[in-house]
Amino acid sequence: MLRGPLFGRGSVGLVVLILGVIGGVGCSAPPQVVGVTPQSKATGFATNGPLSVQFDRPMDSASVAAHFRLEPQVHGTFSWPSDHEVVFSHETLRPSTRYRVVLDPGYRDRQGSAAPLRHSWYFDTEEPPRLSGASPGANDTGVDPAAYLSLTFSRPMDVASLSGSVSLSPSLAFQLRQDPADPRRLELAPAQLLAPDQDYSISVAPTARDVHGNVLATGSAITFRTGQVKSLQHWVGFIATPVPSGAGEGIWLVNESGFPRPLVAASVASFQWAPSGDRLLLHSASGTWSESVLDGSSNPLPFAGRWAAYLDSTGSFALLDGDRLRIWSRESGYTEVAQKVLEAAVAPGGRQIAYTTPAESGTAIRLYDAGLKTESLLESENAAVDGLAWAPDLSALAYRSPATDPTQTRLRVRTLRGGSSQPFTVVTGQISPPIWQSDSRHLLLTAPVATKVGLVAKAFRLSSTQGQNQTLSTADGLPAEPQTSVEQLSPSPDGHQIAFISSTAGVPQVWLMNADGSRLTQLTRYGVDGYAYGAGQLGWTRA
């Protein structure tokens, strides 16, 4: 039987198609590189920056790794974010160095097609970091001994490496932190004020590294000279307290930069700034009194007592020794003022002392003139009195006295210049002792109010003008944030800001807000920048 042809006329196209497919297996176009990082001829490439190559198709990862190299040789590892891209993560490259990336012929795609040509491109790495600025600057004179020091580098630095690479001469411990606003800038807070009229040098060893792992091109040293000690301005002083509890371990300072620094290393129960602002009166946990001067000297004081305050900055103090109100001065020793005294408060300027004594029907408020050495009865209340507070301009005296409701306390004001000579009540509530603002027209205190998170102590700013009906409402409490509890108020000398204590994660810390409650800012943070304390009593430095 005769057979016809295997393929008919209509089968010609099919034959061509089959042959084309068979031939195409061995003739597919080779894989192409469609992108690289860094780009060819790039400059300033980060020494820790990963290299990457993008292809036009899925690739055989083993063949790409086998044909990839870097000149000079660098060790690293490969990863594939996608089947089209390989990333080479490597040890830190050398700065100011030209590197060439090479893909030798033979790397394949997943279908087995191999690249017949060698691909290569080069790039230049970044320069090593350098110190580009400092404050104080080189050879500066008259530098404030209380100033923070700073170093500015050409790029962000590894703070951990700087801790062992930066030194201060003469040797002095310091805390180091990165400026939150500029990571290239490092701030140094010496553990005490610098000595006056002293040459200092800040040295940076070449072991310091930037965040890319590059060491400094060369070490540097900045020399400067301090000036005389000045009174401190616009700092908040506070007692640093151990966590979880314990006696205060010294006086620290903090300002709006939020970088606390130690000022006085001593066990402290309370402190007070001298009117001159260049020294502090310290009361130790054991009951002794001393004076700490900003130049670093310390003077023990001979008197004892539960309370003391500066009369002036030349060595005169008012004190309560038991129930005796006394004055002690370096020149004349002790002067007896009064007995059976409950509480006392020194007026701004130091000339007058207000104090309380028991009376037949309550409490007497008396005044002592330290210049004339005379005393007089100012007011009598038919209840207890505490929290004596002088207005800064001496125009009034504020204090607390119990209300009819035993759970409430009245804030009372006695005008001393013109107007009514009768004390009047400003507000009634569960209030703290009052503090005057610098304008002598407003009083600050704290009181608990109901918020959505429960009872929370808030600050209140109240007018001292008679006849105003004032309440302690939740809406008037400062700050407005319901979770922020406030205690230990301390207004700034200019009256624009209020420092206070508020607990964060159970640890009392220093906070700051404007007098209207805005711009709430936490100034100290436990465990940050070497600060490992809570915060106790507050006191702004003098204006």
Protein backbone atom coordinates (compact mmCIF):
# COMPACT_ATOMS: atom_id res chain seq x y z
CA MET A 1 0.00 0.00 0.00
CA LEU A 2 1.35 3.35 -0.95
CA ARG A 3 1.75 5.96 1.75
CA GLY A 4 1.59 9.75 1.31
CA PRO A 5 4.18 12.32 2.54
CA LEU A 6 4.72 12.60 6.35
CA PHE A 7 3.78 16.28 6.37
CA GLY A 8 1.37 17.88 4.03
CA ARG A 9 1.56 21.37 2.57
CA GLY A 10 -0.14 22.86 5.63
CA SER A 11 2.51 21.43 7.91
CA VAL A 12 5.37 23.62 6.68
CA GLY A 13 4.68 26.38 9.22
CA LEU A 14 4.64 23.88 12.07
CA VAL A 15 8.04 22.53 11.06
CA VAL A 16 9.50 26.00 10.98
CA LEU A 17 8.02 26.75 14.42
CA ILE A 18 9.42 23.56 15.94
CA LEU A 19 12.86 24.20 14.50
CA GLY A 20 12.74 27.75 15.78
CA VAL A 21 11.94 26.59 19.28
CA ILE A 22 14.70 23.97 19.15
CA GLY A 23 17.18 26.49 17.89
CA GLY A 24 16.07 29.12 20.43
CA VAL A 25 17.15 27.00 23.39
CA GLY A 26 20.77 27.58 22.58
CA CYS A 27 20.52 31.08 21.17
CA SER A 28 18.66 33.09 23.93
CA ALA A 29 20.05 36.60 24.56
CA PRO A 30 22.45 36.76 27.56
CA PRO A 31 21.34 38.46 30.82
CA GLN A 32 21.81 42.20 31.02
CA VAL A 33 22.81 44.50 33.91
CA VAL A 34 20.18 47.27 34.08
CA GLY A 35 21.25 49.13 37.24
CA VAL A 36 23.99 49.38 39.86
CA THR A 37 24.51 51.02 43.26
CA PRO A 38 26.63 53.04 43.57
CA GLN A 39 26.48 54.32 40.05
CA SER A 40 29.55 54.24 37.86
CA LYS A 41 32.06 57.00 38.74
CA ALA A 42 30.13 57.91 41.92
CA THR A 43 32.07 59.89 44.56
CA GLY A 44 31.66 60.16 48.34
CA PHE A 45 30.06 56.73 48.65
CA ALA A 46 29.48 55.67 52.26
CA THR A 47 32.09 53.15 53.35
CA ASN A 48 29.41 50.98 54.95
CA GLY A 49 26.96 51.31 52.06
CA PRO A 50 25.86 48.03 50.44
CA LEU A 51 26.54 47.42 46.73
CA SER A 52 23.76 46.17 44.50
CA VAL A 53 23.29 45.01 40.91
CA GLN A 54 19.94 44.81 39.13
CA PHE A 55 19.40 42.43 36.18
CA ASP A 56 16.77 42.22 33.46
CA ARG A 57 15.61 38.72 34.48
CA PRO A 58 15.74 36.12 37.28
CA MET A 59 19.33 35.06 37.88
CA ASP A 60 21.22 32.03 39.12
CA SER A 61 22.43 33.32 42.50
CA ALA A 62 25.38 30.92 42.84
CA SER A 63 26.83 31.83 39.45
CA VAL A 64 26.50 35.56 40.13
CA ALA A 65 28.29 35.22 43.48
CA ALA A 66 31.04 33.14 41.86
CA HIS A 67 31.73 35.79 39.21
CA PHE A 68 31.41 38.91 41.43
CA ARG A 69 34.45 40.59 42.97
CA LEU A 70 35.60 43.93 44.33
CA GLU A 71 39.05 45.46 43.75
CA PRO A 72 40.75 45.95 46.17
CA GLN A 73 39.41 42.71 47.63
CA VAL A 74 36.73 43.05 50.30
CA HIS A 75 34.96 40.30 52.23
CA GLY A 76 31.20 40.27 52.43
CA THR A 77 27.96 38.37 51.97
CA PHE A 78 25.30 38.21 49.26
CA SER A 79 21.55 38.57 49.62
CA TRP A 80 18.73 38.67 47.08
CA PRO A 81 15.84 41.08 47.80
CA SER A 82 14.32 39.72 44.57
CA ASP A 83 15.39 37.24 41.90
CA HIS A 84 16.40 40.24 39.74
CA GLU A 85 18.69 41.97 42.28
CA VAL A 86 21.74 40.99 44.32
CA VAL A 87 23.06 42.99 47.30
CA PHE A 88 26.64 42.70 48.54
CA SER A 89 27.01 43.65 52.23
CA HIS A 90 30.64 44.06 53.14
CA GLU A 91 33.11 45.02 55.81
CA THR A 92 33.78 48.75 56.11
CA LEU A 93 35.55 50.07 53.02
CA ARG A 94 38.58 52.30 53.21
CA PRO A 95 37.81 56.04 53.01
CA SER A 96 39.13 58.14 50.11
CA THR A 97 39.68 54.98 48.04
CA ARG A 98 38.70 54.00 44.49
CA TYR A 99 37.00 50.61 44.23
CA ARG A 100 36.14 48.66 41.09
CA VAL A 101 33.21 46.25 40.90
CA VAL A 102 33.76 43.36 38.46
CA LEU A 103 31.34 40.78 37.07
CA ASP A 104 33.49 38.28 35.17
CA PRO A 105 32.06 36.48 32.10
CA GLY A 106 30.03 33.35 32.74
CA TYR A 107 27.37 34.38 35.27
CA ARG A 108 24.04 32.88 34.22
CA ASP A 109 20.32 33.45 34.41
CA ARG A 110 17.97 30.77 35.67
CA GLN A 111 17.50 29.38 32.14
CA GLY A 112 21.24 28.80 31.84
CA SER A 113 22.07 31.65 29.49
CA ALA A 114 25.54 33.00 30.34
CA ALA A 115 26.91 36.51 29.98
CA PRO A 116 29.89 36.39 27.57
CA LEU A 117 31.34 39.79 28.48
CA ARG A 118 33.10 41.25 31.53
CA HIS A 119 31.23 44.09 33.27
CA SER A 120 33.08 46.55 35.52
CA TRP A 121 32.62 50.04 36.96
CA TYR A 122 34.29 52.07 39.69
CA PHE A 123 33.36 54.46 42.49
CA ASP A 124 35.21 56.55 45.10
CA THR A 125 34.45 56.32 48.83
CA GLU A 126 33.85 59.22 51.20
CA GLU A 127 36.64 61.08 52.97
CA PRO A 128 37.44 60.20 56.59
CA PRO A 129 35.60 62.26 59.22
CA ARG A 130 37.24 65.34 60.65
CA LEU A 131 36.65 67.79 63.48
CA SER A 132 35.11 70.83 61.79
CA GLY A 133 34.34 73.08 64.75
CA ALA A 134 34.25 73.45 68.51
CA SER A 135 32.76 75.64 71.20
CA PRO A 136 34.68 77.20 72.81
CA GLY A 137 36.82 77.76 69.75
CA ALA A 138 40.57 77.38 69.59
CA ASN A 139 42.36 79.95 71.77
CA ASP A 140 39.11 81.48 73.06
CA THR A 141 39.48 83.37 76.35
CA GLY A 142 37.04 84.45 79.04
CA VAL A 143 34.97 81.29 78.62
CA ASP A 144 32.13 80.96 81.14
CA PRO A 145 33.12 78.20 83.62
CA ALA A 146 29.50 77.00 83.54
CA ALA A 147 29.39 76.61 79.75
CA TYR A 148 28.75 73.31 78.04
CA LEU A 149 31.48 72.30 75.60
CA SER A 150 30.75 71.03 72.10
CA LEU A 151 32.54 69.37 69.19
CA THR A 152 31.22 69.42 65.62
CA PHE A 153 32.37 66.84 63.06
CA SER A 154 32.00 66.60 59.31
CA ARG A 155 29.47 63.77 59.72
CA PRO A 156 27.55 62.00 62.50
CA MET A 157 29.84 60.18 64.91
CA ASP A 158 29.64 56.93 66.88
CA VAL A 159 29.08 58.26 70.41
CA ALA A 160 30.32 55.03 72.01
CA SER A 161 33.70 55.39 70.30
CA LEU A 162 33.96 59.03 71.39
CA SER A 163 33.51 58.10 75.05
CA GLY A 164 37.00 56.65 75.03
CA SER A 165 38.50 59.05 72.50
CA VAL A 166 37.62 62.48 73.93
CA SER A 167 39.46 63.83 76.96
CA LEU A 168 39.60 67.07 78.90
CA SER A 169 42.80 68.47 80.39
CA PRO A 170 43.27 69.20 83.26
CA SER A 171 41.50 65.90 83.79
CA LEU A 172 37.81 66.26 84.59
CA ALA A 173 34.97 63.78 84.24
CA PHE A 174 32.15 64.69 81.88
CA GLN A 175 28.99 63.35 80.27
CA LEU A 176 28.83 63.15 76.48
CA ARG A 177 25.74 63.18 74.27
CA GLN A 178 24.77 63.70 70.65
CA ASP A 179 22.88 66.90 69.92
CA PRO A 180 19.29 65.81 69.15
CA ALA A 181 19.00 68.59 66.57
CA ASP A 182 22.32 67.92 64.79
CA PRO A 183 23.88 64.42 64.96
CA ARG A 184 27.23 65.83 63.83
CA ARG A 185 27.48 67.83 67.06
CA LEU A 186 28.54 66.33 70.39
CA GLU A 187 27.95 68.09 73.72
CA LEU A 188 30.14 67.69 76.80
CA ALA A 189 28.79 68.45 80.28
CA PRO A 190 31.67 68.61 82.80
CA ALA A 191 30.94 66.95 86.15
CA GLN A 192 31.56 70.30 87.86
CA LEU A 193 32.03 73.90 86.84
CA LEU A 194 35.37 74.58 85.20
CA ALA A 195 37.95 76.37 87.30
CA PRO A 196 38.16 80.14 86.72
CA ASP A 197 41.14 81.62 84.84
CA GLN A 198 42.38 78.19 83.83
CA ASP A 199 43.72 76.86 80.52
CA TYR A 200 41.85 73.78 79.28
CA SER A 201 42.30 71.49 76.30
CA ILE A 202 39.77 69.18 74.65
CA SER A 203 41.52 66.35 72.80
CA VAL A 204 40.01 63.94 70.28
CA ALA A 205 42.09 60.83 69.55
CA PRO A 206 42.15 59.38 65.99
CA THR A 207 40.44 56.25 67.34
CA ALA A 208 37.09 58.10 67.23
CA ARG A 209 34.80 56.66 64.54
CA ASP A 210 31.88 57.99 62.57
CA VAL A 211 28.62 56.08 62.20
CA HIS A 212 30.02 54.40 59.05
CA GLY A 213 32.96 52.98 61.01
CA ASN A 214 35.63 55.36 59.66
CA VAL A 215 38.25 56.65 62.10
CA LEU A 216 39.27 60.30 62.14
CA ALA A 217 41.84 61.36 59.61
CA THR A 218 43.90 62.83 62.44
CA GLY A 219 43.60 63.63 66.13
CA SER A 220 42.72 67.16 67.22
CA ALA A 221 43.07 69.39 70.27
CA ILE A 222 41.26 72.63 71.12
CA THR A 223 42.74 74.89 73.80
CA PHE A 224 40.83 77.68 75.56
CA ARG A 225 40.94 79.71 78.78
CA THR A 226 38.12 80.26 81.24
CA GLY A 227 37.14 83.60 82.75
CA GLN A 228 35.76 84.48 86.16
CA VAL A 229 32.88 82.57 87.75
CA LYS A 230 29.56 84.27 87.05
CA SER A 231 26.19 83.88 88.70
CA LEU A 232 24.27 81.16 86.90
CA GLN A 233 21.32 82.26 84.78
CA HIS A 234 18.31 80.38 83.43
CA TRP A 235 19.18 77.01 84.93
CA VAL A 236 16.91 74.88 87.08
CA GLY A 237 18.70 73.50 90.12
CA PHE A 238 17.35 70.32 91.69
CA ILE A 239 18.25 67.59 94.15
CA ALA A 240 19.19 64.33 92.43
CA THR A 241 17.63 61.46 94.36
CA PRO A 242 18.59 57.77 94.08
CA VAL A 243 16.11 55.34 92.56
CA PRO A 244 14.06 53.80 94.08
CA SER A 245 14.59 56.00 97.16
CA GLY A 246 17.18 57.58 99.40
CA ALA A 247 18.75 60.86 100.50
CA GLY A 248 19.62 63.41 97.83
CA GLU A 249 23.04 62.80 96.32
CA GLY A 250 23.80 66.35 95.24
CA ILE A 251 22.57 69.39 93.36
CA TRP A 252 22.26 69.11 89.59
CA LEU A 253 21.45 71.67 86.92
CA VAL A 254 19.38 71.42 83.77
CA ASN A 255 18.12 73.92 81.20
CA GLU A 256 15.97 73.73 78.09
CA SER A 257 18.61 71.65 76.31
CA GLY A 258 17.54 68.73 78.52
CA PHE A 259 21.13 67.71 79.33
CA PRO A 260 21.46 67.56 83.16
CA ARG A 261 24.82 68.08 84.84
CA PRO A 262 26.05 67.82 88.44
CA LEU A 263 26.89 70.99 90.35
CA VAL A 264 27.45 69.99 93.99
CA ALA A 265 28.35 66.47 95.12
CA ALA A 266 26.95 66.18 98.65
CA SER A 267 24.17 64.52 100.61
CA VAL A 268 21.48 67.20 100.52
CA ALA A 269 18.00 67.42 102.06
CA SER A 270 17.27 70.98 100.88
CA PHE A 271 19.03 73.94 99.26
CA GLN A 272 18.57 77.64 98.56
CA TRP A 273 20.29 80.02 96.14
CA ALA A 274 21.96 83.10 97.60
CA PRO A 275 20.57 86.46 96.40
CA SER A 276 23.83 86.97 94.49
CA GLY A 277 23.36 83.66 92.65
CA ASP A 278 26.99 82.62 93.14
CA ARG A 279 26.51 80.22 96.06
CA LEU A 280 24.03 77.88 97.71
CA LEU A 281 22.91 77.19 101.27
CA LEU A 282 22.80 73.42 101.83
CA HIS A 283 21.00 71.47 104.54
CA SER A 284 22.30 67.92 104.86
CA ALA A 285 20.26 64.85 105.68
CA SER A 286 22.07 64.73 109.05
CA GLY A 287 20.94 68.28 109.90
CA THR A 288 24.16 70.25 109.33
CA TRP A 289 24.35 73.45 107.27
CA SER A 290 27.01 74.54 104.81
CA GLU A 291 27.56 76.97 101.97
CA SER A 292 28.76 75.83 98.55
CA VAL A 293 30.35 78.49 96.33
CA LEU A 294 30.37 78.15 92.54
CA ASP A 295 34.16 78.39 92.46
CA GLY A 296 34.21 74.94 94.06
CA SER A 297 34.85 75.91 97.67
CA SER A 298 32.61 74.79 100.54
CA ASN A 299 32.15 76.48 103.91
CA PRO A 300 30.62 74.65 106.89
CA LEU A 301 28.30 76.84 108.96
CA PRO A 302 28.29 76.69 112.78
CA PHE A 303 24.57 76.89 113.43
CA ALA A 304 21.99 74.13 113.74
CA GLY A 305 18.28 74.26 113.15
CA ARG A 306 15.35 72.92 111.18
CA TRP A 307 15.22 75.90 108.81
CA ALA A 308 17.60 78.60 107.59
CA ALA A 309 17.63 81.23 104.84
CA TYR A 310 19.90 83.91 103.45
CA LEU A 311 19.43 87.45 104.70
CA ASP A 312 22.11 88.65 102.29
CA SER A 313 25.05 87.30 100.30
CA THR A 314 27.70 88.52 102.75
CA GLY A 315 27.21 85.95 105.49
CA SER A 316 24.00 86.68 107.42
CA PHE A 317 21.33 84.03 107.89
CA ALA A 318 17.95 83.72 109.59
CA LEU A 319 17.36 80.36 111.26
CA LEU A 320 14.93 78.41 113.40
CA ASP A 321 16.76 76.61 116.19
CA GLY A 322 13.98 74.61 117.78
CA ASP A 323 11.30 77.27 118.30
CA ARG A 324 13.81 80.14 118.51
CA LEU A 325 14.09 82.55 115.60
CA ARG A 326 17.69 83.75 115.43
CA ILE A 327 20.04 85.61 113.11
CA TRP A 328 23.62 84.52 112.67
CA SER A 329 26.29 86.55 110.87
CA ARG A 330 29.98 86.01 110.39
CA GLU A 331 30.71 89.43 111.87
CA SER A 332 28.53 89.50 115.00
CA GLY A 333 27.47 85.93 115.69
CA TYR A 334 23.94 85.32 117.00
CA THR A 335 21.06 87.75 117.47
CA GLU A 336 17.94 86.52 119.25
CA VAL A 337 14.71 87.56 117.49
CA ALA A 338 11.78 85.63 118.97
CA GLN A 339 10.73 82.45 120.73
CA LYS A 340 7.88 79.97 120.28
CA VAL A 341 8.14 80.51 116.54
CA LEU A 342 6.29 78.08 114.29
CA GLU A 343 7.44 79.17 110.83
CA ALA A 344 9.42 82.00 109.22
CA ALA A 345 10.04 83.50 105.77
CA VAL A 346 12.65 86.07 104.72
CA ALA A 347 11.49 88.91 102.48
CA PRO A 348 13.30 89.59 99.18
CA GLY A 349 16.20 91.89 100.00
CA GLY A 350 16.63 90.30 103.43
CA ARG A 351 15.56 93.25 105.55
CA GLN A 352 12.32 91.76 106.94
CA ILE A 353 11.32 88.40 108.36
CA ALA A 354 7.71 87.27 108.65
CA TYR A 355 7.08 84.62 111.29
CA THR A 356 4.21 82.98 113.15
CA THR A 357 3.67 82.33 116.85
CA PRO A 358 0.79 80.75 118.78
CA ALA A 359 -1.92 83.16 119.94
CA GLU A 360 -4.82 82.72 122.34
CA SER A 361 -7.36 82.35 119.57
CA GLY A 362 -5.17 80.98 116.79
CA THR A 363 -1.95 82.21 115.19
CA ALA A 364 -0.19 85.56 115.16
CA ILE A 365 1.76 86.72 112.09
CA ARG A 366 4.59 89.06 113.03
CA LEU A 367 7.24 91.06 111.20
CA TYR A 368 10.83 91.62 112.23
CA ASP A 369 12.90 94.44 110.69
CA ALA A 370 16.51 93.23 110.64
CA GLY A 371 17.80 96.74 109.95
CA LEU A 372 15.92 98.55 112.72
CA LYS A 373 15.86 95.47 114.96
CA THR A 374 12.16 96.00 115.71
CA GLU A 375 9.17 93.67 115.60
CA SER A 376 5.45 94.24 115.10
CA LEU A 377 2.18 92.32 114.88
CA LEU A 378 0.94 92.11 111.30
CA GLU A 379 -2.14 89.91 111.57
CA SER A 380 -3.97 87.41 113.74
CA GLU A 381 -5.83 84.40 112.38
CA ASN A 382 -8.20 82.26 114.43
CA ALA A 383 -6.65 79.11 112.98
CA ALA A 384 -3.26 77.66 112.11
CA VAL A 385 -1.10 79.40 109.50
CA ASP A 386 1.64 78.00 107.27
CA GLY A 387 3.21 78.49 103.84
CA LEU A 388 4.29 82.11 104.40
CA ALA A 389 5.30 83.66 101.05
CA TRP A 390 6.42 87.24 100.34
CA ALA A 391 5.46 88.96 97.11
CA PRO A 392 8.67 89.80 95.19
CA ASP A 393 7.93 93.55 95.44
CA LEU A 394 7.08 93.25 99.19
CA SER A 395 3.51 94.42 98.52
CA ALA A 396 1.78 91.43 100.11
CA LEU A 397 2.17 88.29 102.17
CA ALA A 398 0.40 85.05 101.20
CA TYR A 399 -0.20 82.03 103.42
CA ARG A 400 -2.47 79.04 104.05
CA SER A 401 -5.04 78.63 106.79
CA PRO A 402 -7.57 75.81 107.40
CA ALA A 403 -11.10 76.25 106.09
CA THR A 404 -14.30 75.28 107.89
CA ASP A 405 -14.22 71.98 106.02
CA PRO A 406 -11.27 70.12 107.62
CA THR A 407 -10.30 68.65 104.22
CA GLN A 408 -9.93 72.13 102.69
CA THR A 409 -7.38 74.93 103.08
CA ARG A 410 -7.75 78.63 102.33
CA LEU A 411 -5.18 80.65 100.39
CA ARG A 412 -5.06 84.02 102.16
CA VAL A 413 -3.36 87.28 101.13
CA ARG A 414 -2.51 90.21 103.40
CA THR A 415 -1.83 93.43 101.49
CA LEU A 416 1.07 95.47 102.87
CA ARG A 417 0.82 98.56 100.66
CA GLY A 418 -2.41 100.56 100.37
CA GLY A 419 -5.79 98.95 99.88
CA SER A 420 -7.47 96.92 102.58
CA SER A 421 -5.42 96.00 105.63
CA GLN A 422 -7.63 92.95 106.17
CA PRO A 423 -6.52 89.58 104.77
CA PHE A 424 -8.77 88.04 102.16
CA THR A 425 -9.24 84.55 100.75
CA VAL A 426 -8.14 83.92 97.18
CA VAL A 427 -9.29 80.31 96.83
CA THR A 428 -10.19 77.29 98.95
CA GLY A 429 -9.25 73.68 98.24
CA GLN A 430 -6.71 70.93 98.83
CA ILE A 431 -3.88 73.27 97.96
CA SER A 432 -0.10 73.29 98.26
CA PRO A 433 1.79 76.20 99.87
CA PRO A 434 1.65 79.25 97.55
CA ILE A 435 4.47 80.64 95.42
CA TRP A 436 4.48 84.13 93.90
CA GLN A 437 5.24 84.85 90.29
CA SER A 438 7.72 87.63 89.56
CA ASP A 439 4.94 90.10 88.68
CA SER A 440 3.74 90.07 92.34
CA ARG A 441 0.16 89.85 91.03
CA HIS A 442 -0.21 86.10 90.56
CA LEU A 443 0.20 83.10 92.84
CA LEU A 444 1.01 79.52 91.89
CA LEU A 445 -0.07 76.38 93.71
CA THR A 446 -1.07 72.78 93.05
CA ALA A 447 -4.35 71.02 93.78
CA PRO A 448 -5.92 67.69 92.76
CA VAL A 449 -8.65 67.78 90.11
CA ALA A 450 -10.76 65.11 88.46
CA THR A 451 -9.60 64.06 84.98
CA LYS A 452 -10.47 61.17 82.69
CA VAL A 453 -7.60 59.20 84.26
CA GLY A 454 -8.67 59.96 87.84
CA LEU A 455 -7.55 62.54 90.40
CA VAL A 456 -4.42 64.33 89.17
CA ALA A 457 -2.54 67.21 90.80
CA LYS A 458 -2.42 70.26 88.53
CA ALA A 459 -0.82 73.70 88.74
CA PHE A 460 -3.00 76.79 89.06
CA ARG A 461 -2.14 80.41 88.35
CA LEU A 462 -4.36 82.67 90.45
CA SER A 463 -4.79 86.43 90.66
CA SER A 464 -3.92 87.97 94.03
CA THR A 465 -6.48 90.74 93.49
CA GLN A 466 -9.18 90.96 96.15
CA GLY A 467 -12.79 90.27 95.20
CA GLN A 468 -12.24 87.78 92.38
CA ASN A 469 -14.24 84.57 92.62
CA GLN A 470 -11.68 81.91 91.70
CA THR A 471 -12.10 78.14 91.61
CA LEU A 472 -9.83 75.17 91.09
CA SER A 473 -11.50 73.68 88.03
CA THR A 474 -10.18 70.95 85.79
CA ALA A 475 -10.32 73.34 82.83
CA ASP A 476 -7.98 75.80 84.58
CA GLY A 477 -5.41 73.19 85.66
CA LEU A 478 -1.96 73.29 84.07
CA PRO A 479 -0.83 71.59 81.95
CA ALA A 480 -3.93 70.52 80.05
CA GLU A 481 -2.66 66.96 79.42
CA PRO A 482 -4.75 64.85 81.83
CA GLN A 483 -2.03 62.31 82.62
CA THR A 484 0.63 64.85 83.71
CA SER A 485 0.64 65.24 87.49
CA VAL A 486 2.37 68.31 88.93
CA GLU A 487 4.22 68.96 92.17
CA GLN A 488 7.16 71.05 93.43
CA LEU A 489 6.46 74.19 91.40
CA SER A 490 9.29 76.63 90.73
CA PRO A 491 8.62 79.71 88.54
CA SER A 492 11.45 81.21 86.49
CA PRO A 493 12.80 84.59 87.67
CA ASP A 494 11.22 86.32 84.66
CA GLY A 495 7.87 84.64 85.30
CA HIS A 496 7.58 83.19 81.79
CA GLN A 497 8.12 79.52 82.67
CA ILE A 498 7.36 77.06 85.44
CA ALA A 499 9.57 74.11 86.34
CA PHE A 500 7.94 71.25 88.21
CA ILE A 501 8.29 67.61 89.20
CA SER A 502 6.21 64.91 87.53
CA SER A 503 6.72 61.16 87.69
CA THR A 504 7.60 59.29 84.51
CA ALA A 505 7.37 55.49 84.76
CA GLY A 506 7.24 55.95 88.52
CA VAL A 507 10.41 58.07 88.74
CA PRO A 508 10.09 61.80 89.58
CA GLN A 509 11.67 63.93 86.85
CA VAL A 510 12.07 67.65 86.06
CA TRP A 511 9.60 69.15 83.58
CA LEU A 512 9.10 72.62 82.16
CA MET A 513 6.14 74.52 80.74
CA ASN A 514 5.25 78.08 79.87
CA ALA A 515 3.32 80.00 82.51
CA ASP A 516 0.13 79.40 80.50
CA GLY A 517 0.73 75.63 80.44
CA SER A 518 1.95 75.42 76.83
CA ARG A 519 5.22 73.89 75.55
CA LEU A 520 5.29 71.03 78.01
CA THR A 521 8.85 69.63 78.00
CA GLN A 522 10.54 66.87 79.98
CA LEU A 523 14.03 68.05 80.98
CA THR A 524 15.46 64.98 82.74
CA ARG A 525 15.05 61.34 81.74
CA TYR A 526 16.09 58.44 83.89
CA GLY A 527 18.75 56.31 82.20
CA VAL A 528 19.45 58.80 79.39
CA ASP A 529 22.75 60.68 78.87
CA GLY A 530 24.27 59.20 82.03
CA TYR A 531 21.52 60.51 84.32
CA ALA A 532 20.38 57.76 86.71
CA TYR A 533 18.39 59.66 89.34
CA GLY A 534 15.00 60.92 90.28
CA ALA A 535 14.48 64.60 91.10
CA GLY A 536 13.60 66.33 94.37
CA GLN A 537 13.41 69.97 95.40
CA LEU A 538 13.62 72.54 92.58
CA GLY A 539 15.08 76.03 92.55
CA TRP A 540 15.76 78.30 89.58
CA THR A 541 19.05 80.12 89.53
CA ARG A 542 18.79 83.84 90.20
CA ALA A 543 18.03 86.30 87.40
